[in-house]
Amino acid sequence: MAPLNDAQRKEFEKLIDQLERIRTELNWPQEKIASLCGVQQSTYARWVLKIKGKTGGSEPTELIFLGLKAKTPELIAELEASRKMLDKLLKEIESLRKER
């Protein structure tokens, strides 16, 4: 299986960085994002380590990356929808607090 070329590696790093930012905002475990990506949590965790330049990190093969890239619009849309629902819920809670 072919490793990522430089352009793919940059795309991969950007995608994982974006997923991690949203995941953190939503306070989701890595396992949930890994499931959306179609991989195990340990695989996703190694990808995160890789983009952070930490020991134990790895990147997907080209074939896996291309599959992940194809899922990206769906992944981001689902995460954005979850973020909007969370924002709405937080606003409702704040509104109820103010009514007290």
PDB file of N, CA and C in Angstrom:
ATOM      1  N   MET A   1       0.838  -1.176   0.000  1.00  0.00           N
ATOM      2  CA  MET A   1       0.000   0.000   0.000  1.00  0.00           C
ATOM      3  C   MET A   1       0.885   1.242   0.000  1.00  0.00           C
ATOM      4  N   ALA A   2       0.499   2.188  -0.785  1.00  0.00           N
ATOM      5  CA  ALA A   2       1.328   3.378  -0.986  1.00  0.00           C
ATOM      6  C   ALA A   2       1.190   4.363   0.177  1.00  0.00           C
ATOM      7  N   PRO A   3       2.314   4.965   0.570  1.00  0.00           N
ATOM      8  CA  PRO A   3       2.245   6.013   1.597  1.00  0.00           C
ATOM      9  C   PRO A   3       1.702   7.298   0.967  1.00  0.00           C
ATOM     10  N   LEU A   4       1.355   8.242   1.814  1.00  0.00           N
ATOM     11  CA  LEU A   4       0.847   9.523   1.332  1.00  0.00           C
ATOM     12  C   LEU A   4       1.963  10.339   0.694  1.00  0.00           C
ATOM     13  N   ASN A   5       1.629  11.063  -0.367  1.00  0.00           N
ATOM     14  CA  ASN A   5       2.602  11.999  -0.922  1.00  0.00           C
ATOM     15  C   ASN A   5       2.515  13.298  -0.115  1.00  0.00           C
ATOM     16  N   ASP A   6       3.359  14.255  -0.386  1.00  0.00           N
ATOM     17  CA  ASP A   6       3.406  15.479   0.418  1.00  0.00           C
ATOM     18  C   ASP A   6       2.090  16.249   0.417  1.00  0.00           C
ATOM     19  N   ALA A   7       1.445  16.363  -0.734  1.00  0.00           N
ATOM     20  CA  ALA A   7       0.169  17.090  -0.823  1.00  0.00           C
ATOM     21  C   ALA A   7      -0.916  16.373  -0.019  1.00  0.00           C
ATOM     22  N   GLN A   8      -0.952  15.054  -0.126  1.00  0.00           N
ATOM     23  CA  GLN A   8      -1.939  14.283   0.635  1.00  0.00           C
ATOM     24  C   GLN A   8      -1.676  14.389   2.131  1.00  0.00           C
ATOM     25  N   ARG A   9      -0.401  14.375   2.504  1.00  0.00           N
ATOM     26  CA  ARG A   9      -0.041  14.479   3.916  1.00  0.00           C
ATOM     27  C   ARG A   9      -0.525  15.808   4.491  1.00  0.00           C
ATOM     28  N   LYS A  10      -0.353  16.885   3.751  1.00  0.00           N
ATOM     29  CA  LYS A  10      -0.825  18.198   4.217  1.00  0.00           C
ATOM     30  C   LYS A  10      -2.341  18.220   4.346  1.00  0.00           C
ATOM     31  N   GLU A  11      -3.034  17.627   3.369  1.00  0.00           N
ATOM     32  CA  GLU A  11      -4.495  17.546   3.423  1.00  0.00           C
ATOM     33  C   GLU A  11      -4.951  16.732   4.632  1.00  0.00           C
ATOM     34  N   PHE A  12      -4.270  15.609   4.851  1.00  0.00           N
ATOM     35  CA  PHE A  12      -4.581  14.736   5.984  1.00  0.00           C
ATOM     36  C   PHE A  12      -4.406  15.489   7.300  1.00  0.00           C
ATOM     37  N   GLU A  13      -3.297  16.183   7.447  1.00  0.00           N
ATOM     38  CA  GLU A  13      -3.042  16.937   8.669  1.00  0.00           C
ATOM     39  C   GLU A  13      -4.089  18.018   8.896  1.00  0.00           C
ATOM     40  N   LYS A  14      -4.476  18.692   7.833  1.00  0.00           N
ATOM     41  CA  LYS A  14      -5.499  19.738   7.933  1.00  0.00           C
ATOM     42  C   LYS A  14      -6.844  19.144   8.361  1.00  0.00           C
ATOM     43  N   LEU A  15      -7.205  18.009   7.769  1.00  0.00           N
ATOM     44  CA  LEU A  15      -8.467  17.359   8.100  1.00  0.00           C
ATOM     45  C   LEU A  15      -8.498  16.916   9.560  1.00  0.00           C
ATOM     46  N   ILE A  16      -7.454  16.236  10.001  1.00  0.00           N
ATOM     47  CA  ILE A  16      -7.422  15.747  11.386  1.00  0.00           C
ATOM     48  C   ILE A  16      -7.415  16.922  12.355  1.00  0.00           C
ATOM     49  N   ASP A  17      -6.696  17.977  12.028  1.00  0.00           N
ATOM     50  CA  ASP A  17      -6.689  19.172  12.875  1.00  0.00           C
ATOM     51  C   ASP A  17      -8.106  19.749  12.987  1.00  0.00           C
ATOM     52  N   GLN A  18      -8.813  19.826  11.878  1.00  0.00           N
ATOM     53  CA  GLN A  18     -10.180  20.353  11.876  1.00  0.00           C
ATOM     54  C   GLN A  18     -11.113  19.451  12.690  1.00  0.00           C
ATOM     55  N   LEU A  19     -10.998  18.152  12.497  1.00  0.00           N
ATOM     56  CA  LEU A  19     -11.821  17.215  13.267  1.00  0.00           C
ATOM     57  C   LEU A  19     -11.545  17.322  14.758  1.00  0.00           C
ATOM     58  N   GLU A  20     -10.287  17.455  15.111  1.00  0.00           N
ATOM     59  CA  GLU A  20      -9.924  17.560  16.527  1.00  0.00           C
ATOM     60  C   GLU A  20     -10.455  18.854  17.156  1.00  0.00           C
ATOM     61  N   ARG A  21     -10.402  19.945  16.411  1.00  0.00           N
ATOM     62  CA  ARG A  21     -10.934  21.212  16.923  1.00  0.00           C
ATOM     63  C   ARG A  21     -12.432  21.090  17.218  1.00  0.00           C
ATOM     64  N   ILE A  22     -13.161  20.549  16.260  1.00  0.00           N
ATOM     65  CA  ILE A  22     -14.607  20.404  16.443  1.00  0.00           C
ATOM     66  C   ILE A  22     -14.906  19.394  17.546  1.00  0.00           C
ATOM     67  N   ARG A  23     -14.171  18.284  17.559  1.00  0.00           N
ATOM     68  CA  ARG A  23     -14.379  17.260  18.588  1.00  0.00           C
ATOM     69  C   ARG A  23     -14.197  17.844  19.983  1.00  0.00           C
ATOM     70  N   THR A  24     -13.181  18.648  20.136  1.00  0.00           N
ATOM     71  CA  THR A  24     -12.907  19.267  21.428  1.00  0.00           C
ATOM     72  C   THR A  24     -14.019  20.240  21.816  1.00  0.00           C
ATOM     73  N   GLU A  25     -14.480  21.034  20.854  1.00  0.00           N
ATOM     74  CA  GLU A  25     -15.579  21.963  21.124  1.00  0.00           C
ATOM     75  C   GLU A  25     -16.831  21.232  21.578  1.00  0.00           C
ATOM     76  N   LEU A  26     -17.093  20.087  20.962  1.00  0.00           N
ATOM     77  CA  LEU A  26     -18.286  19.309  21.289  1.00  0.00           C
ATOM     78  C   LEU A  26     -18.083  18.445  22.530  1.00  0.00           C
ATOM     79  N   ASN A  27     -16.847  18.384  23.002  1.00  0.00           N
ATOM     80  CA  ASN A  27     -16.490  17.559  24.161  1.00  0.00           C
ATOM     81  C   ASN A  27     -16.801  16.078  23.903  1.00  0.00           C
ATOM     82  N   TRP A  28     -16.529  15.638  22.688  1.00  0.00           N
ATOM     83  CA  TRP A  28     -16.741  14.244  22.309  1.00  0.00           C
ATOM     84  C   TRP A  28     -15.464  13.447  22.540  1.00  0.00           C
ATOM     85  N   PRO A  29     -15.603  12.162  22.852  1.00  0.00           N
ATOM     86  CA  PRO A  29     -14.408  11.318  22.931  1.00  0.00           C
ATOM     87  C   PRO A  29     -13.892  11.013  21.520  1.00  0.00           C
ATOM     88  N   GLN A  30     -12.621  10.688  21.432  1.00  0.00           N
ATOM     89  CA  GLN A  30     -12.036  10.337  20.138  1.00  0.00           C
ATOM     90  C   GLN A  30     -12.765   9.161  19.505  1.00  0.00           C
ATOM     91  N   GLU A  31     -13.298   8.285  20.326  1.00  0.00           N
ATOM     92  CA  GLU A  31     -13.981   7.098  19.826  1.00  0.00           C
ATOM     93  C   GLU A  31     -15.148   7.470  18.910  1.00  0.00           C
ATOM     94  N   LYS A  32     -15.853   8.544  19.236  1.00  0.00           N
ATOM     95  CA  LYS A  32     -17.003   8.948  18.425  1.00  0.00           C
ATOM     96  C   LYS A  32     -16.556   9.436  17.043  1.00  0.00           C
ATOM     97  N   ILE A  33     -15.498  10.237  17.002  1.00  0.00           N
ATOM     98  CA  ILE A  33     -14.975  10.715  15.723  1.00  0.00           C
ATOM     99  C   ILE A  33     -14.394   9.543  14.929  1.00  0.00           C
ATOM    100  N   ALA A  34     -13.689   8.659  15.619  1.00  0.00           N
ATOM    101  CA  ALA A  34     -13.109   7.490  14.950  1.00  0.00           C
ATOM    102  C   ALA A  34     -14.205   6.665  14.282  1.00  0.00           C
ATOM    103  N   SER A  35     -15.309   6.489  14.970  1.00  0.00           N
ATOM    104  CA  SER A  35     -16.436   5.744  14.417  1.00  0.00           C
ATOM    105  C   SER A  35     -16.970   6.423  13.158  1.00  0.00           C
ATOM    106  N   LEU A  36     -17.094   7.747  13.184  1.00  0.00           N
ATOM    107  CA  LEU A  36     -17.552   8.486  12.009  1.00  0.00           C
ATOM    108  C   LEU A  36     -16.568   8.333  10.845  1.00  0.00           C
ATOM    109  N   CYS A  37     -15.285   8.210  11.177  1.00  0.00           N
ATOM    110  CA  CYS A  37     -14.250   8.039  10.149  1.00  0.00           C
ATOM    111  C   CYS A  37     -14.160   6.601   9.660  1.00  0.00           C
ATOM    112  N   GLY A  38     -14.796   5.680  10.381  1.00  0.00           N
ATOM    113  CA  GLY A  38     -14.763   4.279   9.990  1.00  0.00           C
ATOM    114  C   GLY A  38     -13.516   3.544  10.431  1.00  0.00           C
ATOM    115  N   VAL A  39     -12.893   4.050  11.523  1.00  0.00           N
ATOM    116  CA  VAL A  39     -11.688   3.391  12.042  1.00  0.00           C
ATOM    117  C   VAL A  39     -11.832   3.193  13.550  1.00  0.00           C
ATOM    118  N   GLN A  40     -10.929   2.408  14.119  1.00  0.00           N
ATOM    119  CA  GLN A  40     -10.929   2.215  15.563  1.00  0.00           C
ATOM    120  C   GLN A  40     -10.339   3.441  16.250  1.00  0.00           C
ATOM    121  N   GLN A  41     -10.677   3.608  17.511  1.00  0.00           N
ATOM    122  CA  GLN A  41     -10.191   4.762  18.278  1.00  0.00           C
ATOM    123  C   GLN A  41      -8.677   4.780  18.325  1.00  0.00           C
ATOM    124  N   SER A  42      -8.052   3.623  18.453  1.00  0.00           N
ATOM    125  CA  SER A  42      -6.585   3.573  18.537  1.00  0.00           C
ATOM    126  C   SER A  42      -5.942   4.073  17.236  1.00  0.00           C
ATOM    127  N   THR A  43      -6.566   3.785  16.111  1.00  0.00           N
ATOM    128  CA  THR A  43      -6.053   4.267  14.827  1.00  0.00           C
ATOM    129  C   THR A  43      -6.174   5.780  14.754  1.00  0.00           C
ATOM    130  N   TYR A  44      -7.349   6.291  15.111  1.00  0.00           N
ATOM    131  CA  TYR A  44      -7.559   7.738  15.089  1.00  0.00           C
ATOM    132  C   TYR A  44      -6.577   8.431  16.046  1.00  0.00           C
ATOM    133  N   ALA A  45      -6.378   7.843  17.224  1.00  0.00           N
ATOM    134  CA  ALA A  45      -5.452   8.428  18.203  1.00  0.00           C
ATOM    135  C   ALA A  45      -4.035   8.511  17.633  1.00  0.00           C
ATOM    136  N   ARG A  46      -3.609   7.489  16.884  1.00  0.00           N
ATOM    137  CA  ARG A  46      -2.274   7.517  16.265  1.00  0.00           C
ATOM    138  C   ARG A  46      -2.196   8.609  15.199  1.00  0.00           C
ATOM    139  N   TRP A  47      -3.305   8.841  14.495  1.00  0.00           N
ATOM    140  CA  TRP A  47      -3.324   9.923  13.501  1.00  0.00           C
ATOM    141  C   TRP A  47      -3.152  11.275  14.184  1.00  0.00           C
ATOM    142  N   VAL A  48      -3.831  11.450  15.311  1.00  0.00           N
ATOM    143  CA  VAL A  48      -3.718  12.711  16.057  1.00  0.00           C
ATOM    144  C   VAL A  48      -2.286  12.897  16.551  1.00  0.00           C
ATOM    145  N   LEU A  49      -1.700  11.835  17.072  1.00  0.00           N
ATOM    146  CA  LEU A  49      -0.301  11.905  17.516  1.00  0.00           C
ATOM    147  C   LEU A  49       0.609  12.305  16.362  1.00  0.00           C
ATOM    148  N   LYS A  50       0.343  11.759  15.185  1.00  0.00           N
ATOM    149  CA  LYS A  50       1.175  12.048  14.010  1.00  0.00           C
ATOM    150  C   LYS A  50       1.139  13.529  13.670  1.00  0.00           C
ATOM    151  N   ILE A  51      -0.058  14.130  13.614  1.00  0.00           N
ATOM    152  CA  ILE A  51      -0.125  15.543  13.227  1.00  0.00           C
ATOM    153  C   ILE A  51       0.434  16.457  14.302  1.00  0.00           C
ATOM    154  N   LYS A  52       0.494  15.954  15.544  1.00  0.00           N
ATOM    155  CA  LYS A  52       1.091  16.735  16.628  1.00  0.00           C
ATOM    156  C   LYS A  52       2.581  16.503  16.734  1.00  0.00           C
ATOM    157  N   GLY A  53       3.112  15.609  15.870  1.00  0.00           N
ATOM    158  CA  GLY A  53       4.543  15.335  15.871  1.00  0.00           C
ATOM    159  C   GLY A  53       5.009  14.530  17.068  1.00  0.00           C
ATOM    160  N   LYS A  54       4.109  13.755  17.641  1.00  0.00           N
ATOM    161  CA  LYS A  54       4.434  12.975  18.841  1.00  0.00           C
ATOM    162  C   LYS A  54       4.866  11.558  18.473  1.00  0.00           C
ATOM    163  N   THR A  55       5.572  10.930  19.382  1.00  0.00           N
ATOM    164  CA  THR A  55       5.998   9.549  19.227  1.00  0.00           C
ATOM    165  C   THR A  55       4.775   8.641  19.192  1.00  0.00           C
ATOM    166  N   GLY A  56       4.828   7.626  18.353  1.00  0.00           N
ATOM    167  CA  GLY A  56       3.735   6.668  18.275  1.00  0.00           C
ATOM    168  C   GLY A  56       2.682   7.029  17.246  1.00  0.00           C
ATOM    169  N   GLY A  57       2.857   8.154  16.583  1.00  0.00           N
ATOM    170  CA  GLY A  57       1.891   8.575  15.576  1.00  0.00           C
ATOM    171  C   GLY A  57       2.059   7.823  14.276  1.00  0.00           C
ATOM    172  N   SER A  58       0.994   7.783  13.518  1.00  0.00           N
ATOM    173  CA  SER A  58       1.052   7.160  12.197  1.00  0.00           C
ATOM    174  C   SER A  58       0.063   7.869  11.283  1.00  0.00           C
ATOM    175  N   GLU A  59       0.171   7.581  10.017  1.00  0.00           N
ATOM    176  CA  GLU A  59      -0.768   8.145   9.055  1.00  0.00           C
ATOM    177  C   GLU A  59      -1.354   6.999   8.246  1.00  0.00           C
ATOM    178  N   PRO A  60      -2.500   7.247   7.632  1.00  0.00           N
ATOM    179  CA  PRO A  60      -3.121   6.178   6.855  1.00  0.00           C
ATOM    180  C   PRO A  60      -2.370   5.923   5.558  1.00  0.00           C
ATOM    181  N   THR A  61      -2.660   4.794   4.967  1.00  0.00           N
ATOM    182  CA  THR A  61      -2.144   4.547   3.625  1.00  0.00           C
ATOM    183  C   THR A  61      -2.915   5.447   2.663  1.00  0.00           C
ATOM    184  N   GLU A  62      -2.438   5.535   1.445  1.00  0.00           N
ATOM    185  CA  GLU A  62      -3.099   6.376   0.449  1.00  0.00           C
ATOM    186  C   GLU A  62      -4.548   5.939   0.234  1.00  0.00           C
ATOM    187  N   LEU A  63      -4.784   4.640   0.176  1.00  0.00           N
ATOM    188  CA  LEU A  63      -6.131   4.126  -0.063  1.00  0.00           C
ATOM    189  C   LEU A  63      -7.083   4.517   1.075  1.00  0.00           C
ATOM    190  N   ILE A  64      -6.649   4.371   2.303  1.00  0.00           N
ATOM    191  CA  ILE A  64      -7.480   4.743   3.451  1.00  0.00           C
ATOM    192  C   ILE A  64      -7.699   6.247   3.459  1.00  0.00           C
ATOM    193  N   PHE A  65      -6.653   7.012   3.166  1.00  0.00           N
ATOM    194  CA  PHE A  65      -6.802   8.469   3.116  1.00  0.00           C
ATOM    195  C   PHE A  65      -7.825   8.878   2.068  1.00  0.00           C
ATOM    196  N   LEU A  66      -7.779   8.269   0.892  1.00  0.00           N
ATOM    197  CA  LEU A  66      -8.729   8.620  -0.165  1.00  0.00           C
ATOM    198  C   LEU A  66     -10.166   8.310   0.254  1.00  0.00           C
ATOM    199  N   GLY A  67     -10.362   7.211   0.981  1.00  0.00           N
ATOM    200  CA  GLY A  67     -11.686   6.887   1.515  1.00  0.00           C
ATOM    201  C   GLY A  67     -12.133   7.901   2.544  1.00  0.00           C
ATOM    202  N   LEU A  68     -11.219   8.294   3.425  1.00  0.00           N
ATOM    203  CA  LEU A  68     -11.512   9.304   4.438  1.00  0.00           C
ATOM    204  C   LEU A  68     -11.826  10.643   3.786  1.00  0.00           C
ATOM    205  N   LYS A  69     -11.062  10.984   2.775  1.00  0.00           N
ATOM    206  CA  LYS A  69     -11.269  12.241   2.051  1.00  0.00           C
ATOM    207  C   LYS A  69     -12.658  12.263   1.401  1.00  0.00           C
ATOM    208  N   ALA A  70     -13.084  11.127   0.870  1.00  0.00           N
ATOM    209  CA  ALA A  70     -14.410  11.043   0.248  1.00  0.00           C
ATOM    210  C   ALA A  70     -15.514  11.248   1.277  1.00  0.00           C
ATOM    211  N   LYS A  71     -15.279  10.831   2.530  1.00  0.00           N
ATOM    212  CA  LYS A  71     -16.265  10.990   3.598  1.00  0.00           C
ATOM    213  C   LYS A  71     -16.262  12.390   4.212  1.00  0.00           C
ATOM    214  N   THR A  72     -15.233  13.178   3.926  1.00  0.00           N
ATOM    215  CA  THR A  72     -15.047  14.456   4.601  1.00  0.00           C
ATOM    216  C   THR A  72     -16.269  15.371   4.573  1.00  0.00           C
ATOM    217  N   PRO A  73     -16.888  15.622   3.427  1.00  0.00           N
ATOM    218  CA  PRO A  73     -18.056  16.526   3.446  1.00  0.00           C
ATOM    219  C   PRO A  73     -19.163  16.038   4.382  1.00  0.00           C
ATOM    220  N   GLU A  74     -19.416  14.735   4.367  1.00  0.00           N
ATOM    221  CA  GLU A  74     -20.437  14.156   5.235  1.00  0.00           C
ATOM    222  C   GLU A  74     -20.033  14.276   6.704  1.00  0.00           C
ATOM    223  N   LEU A  75     -18.768  14.002   6.981  1.00  0.00           N
ATOM    224  CA  LEU A  75     -18.249  14.103   8.347  1.00  0.00           C
ATOM    225  C   LEU A  75     -18.390  15.513   8.901  1.00  0.00           C
ATOM    226  N   ILE A  76     -17.924  16.476   8.135  1.00  0.00           N
ATOM    227  CA  ILE A  76     -17.963  17.872   8.579  1.00  0.00           C
ATOM    228  C   ILE A  76     -19.407  18.333   8.745  1.00  0.00           C
ATOM    229  N   ALA A  77     -20.282  17.949   7.834  1.00  0.00           N
ATOM    230  CA  ALA A  77     -21.695  18.331   7.936  1.00  0.00           C
ATOM    231  C   ALA A  77     -22.312  17.775   9.212  1.00  0.00           C
ATOM    232  N   GLU A  78     -22.012  16.538   9.533  1.00  0.00           N
ATOM    233  CA  GLU A  78     -22.555  15.935  10.751  1.00  0.00           C
ATOM    234  C   GLU A  78     -22.017  16.628  11.998  1.00  0.00           C
ATOM    235  N   LEU A  79     -20.732  16.939  11.991  1.00  0.00           N
ATOM    236  CA  LEU A  79     -20.140  17.623  13.142  1.00  0.00           C
ATOM    237  C   LEU A  79     -20.692  19.034  13.301  1.00  0.00           C
ATOM    238  N   GLU A  80     -20.864  19.732  12.200  1.00  0.00           N
ATOM    239  CA  GLU A  80     -21.424  21.088  12.259  1.00  0.00           C
ATOM    240  C   GLU A  80     -22.863  21.055  12.768  1.00  0.00           C
ATOM    241  N   ALA A  81     -23.647  20.064  12.322  1.00  0.00           N
ATOM    242  CA  ALA A  81     -25.023  19.928  12.797  1.00  0.00           C
ATOM    243  C   ALA A  81     -25.031  19.658  14.299  1.00  0.00           C
ATOM    244  N   SER A  82     -24.118  18.830  14.770  1.00  0.00           N
ATOM    245  CA  SER A  82     -24.023  18.543  16.202  1.00  0.00           C
ATOM    246  C   SER A  82     -23.630  19.790  16.979  1.00  0.00           C
ATOM    247  N   ARG A  83     -22.734  20.579  16.402  1.00  0.00           N
ATOM    248  CA  ARG A  83     -22.311  21.816  17.059  1.00  0.00           C
ATOM    249  C   ARG A  83     -23.498  22.782  17.165  1.00  0.00           C
ATOM    250  N   LYS A  84     -24.289  22.889  16.107  1.00  0.00           N
ATOM    251  CA  LYS A  84     -25.455  23.783  16.117  1.00  0.00           C
ATOM    252  C   LYS A  84     -26.480  23.325  17.149  1.00  0.00           C
ATOM    253  N   MET A  85     -26.700  22.005  17.226  1.00  0.00           N
ATOM    254  CA  MET A  85     -27.642  21.491  18.218  1.00  0.00           C
ATOM    255  C   MET A  85     -27.153  21.783  19.627  1.00  0.00           C
ATOM    256  N   LEU A  86     -25.854  21.628  19.855  1.00  0.00           N
ATOM    257  CA  LEU A  86     -25.288  21.912  21.162  1.00  0.00           C
ATOM    258  C   LEU A  86     -25.423  23.391  21.497  1.00  0.00           C
ATOM    259  N   ASP A  87     -25.127  24.263  20.545  1.00  0.00           N
ATOM    260  CA  ASP A  87     -25.283  25.704  20.764  1.00  0.00           C
ATOM    261  C   ASP A  87     -26.727  26.051  21.110  1.00  0.00           C
ATOM    262  N   LYS A  88     -27.667  25.465  20.400  1.00  0.00           N
ATOM    263  CA  LYS A  88     -29.091  25.722  20.651  1.00  0.00           C
ATOM    264  C   LYS A  88     -29.467  25.267  22.059  1.00  0.00           C
ATOM    265  N   LEU A  89     -29.013  24.086  22.439  1.00  0.00           N
ATOM    266  CA  LEU A  89     -29.294  23.563  23.766  1.00  0.00           C
ATOM    267  C   LEU A  89     -28.712  24.461  24.853  1.00  0.00           C
ATOM    268  N   LEU A  90     -27.488  24.920  24.656  1.00  0.00           N
ATOM    269  CA  LEU A  90     -26.861  25.800  25.644  1.00  0.00           C
ATOM    270  C   LEU A  90     -27.616  27.125  25.771  1.00  0.00           C
ATOM    271  N   LYS A  91     -28.098  27.654  24.651  1.00  0.00           N
ATOM    272  CA  LYS A  91     -28.885  28.893  24.691  1.00  0.00           C
ATOM    273  C   LYS A  91     -30.197  28.685  25.436  1.00  0.00           C
ATOM    274  N   GLU A  92     -30.828  27.543  25.221  1.00  0.00           N
ATOM    275  CA  GLU A  92     -32.077  27.240  25.927  1.00  0.00           C
ATOM    276  C   GLU A  92     -31.836  27.123  27.430  1.00  0.00           C
ATOM    277  N   ILE A  93     -30.748  26.489  27.803  1.00  0.00           N
ATOM    278  CA  ILE A  93     -30.417  26.345  29.225  1.00  0.00           C
ATOM    279  C   ILE A  93     -30.155  27.720  29.836  1.00  0.00           C
ATOM    280  N   GLU A  94     -29.414  28.551  29.124  1.00  0.00           N
ATOM    281  CA  GLU A  94     -29.126  29.898  29.618  1.00  0.00           C
ATOM    282  C   GLU A  94     -30.410  30.705  29.759  1.00  0.00           C
ATOM    283  N   SER A  95     -31.310  30.559  28.830  1.00  0.00           N
ATOM    284  CA  SER A  95     -32.594  31.264  28.871  1.00  0.00           C
ATOM    285  C   SER A  95     -33.400  30.816  30.077  1.00  0.00           C
ATOM    286  N   LEU A  96     -33.422  29.539  30.350  1.00  0.00           N
ATOM    287  CA  LEU A  96     -34.137  29.031  31.523  1.00  0.00           C
ATOM    288  C   LEU A  96     -33.527  29.539  32.821  1.00  0.00           C
ATOM    289  N   ARG A  97     -32.209  29.646  32.852  1.00  0.00           N
ATOM    290  CA  ARG A  97     -31.528  30.176  34.039  1.00  0.00           C
ATOM    291  C   ARG A  97     -31.927  31.633  34.291  1.00  0.00           C
ATOM    292  N   LYS A  98     -32.025  32.403  33.238  1.00  0.00           N
ATOM    293  CA  LYS A  98     -32.367  33.820  33.376  1.00  0.00           C
ATOM    294  C   LYS A  98     -33.800  34.005  33.838  1.00  0.00           C
ATOM    295  N   GLU A  99     -34.694  33.058  33.483  1.00  0.00           N
ATOM    296  CA  GLU A  99     -36.088  33.150  33.872  1.00  0.00           C
ATOM    297  C   GLU A  99     -36.274  32.905  35.361  1.00  0.00           C
ATOM    298  N   ARG A 100     -35.358  32.266  35.995  1.00  0.00           N
ATOM    299  CA  ARG A 100     -35.474  31.959  37.432  1.00  0.00           C
ATOM    300  C   ARG A 100     -35.364  33.166  38.249  1.00  0.00           C
TER     301      ARG A 100
END
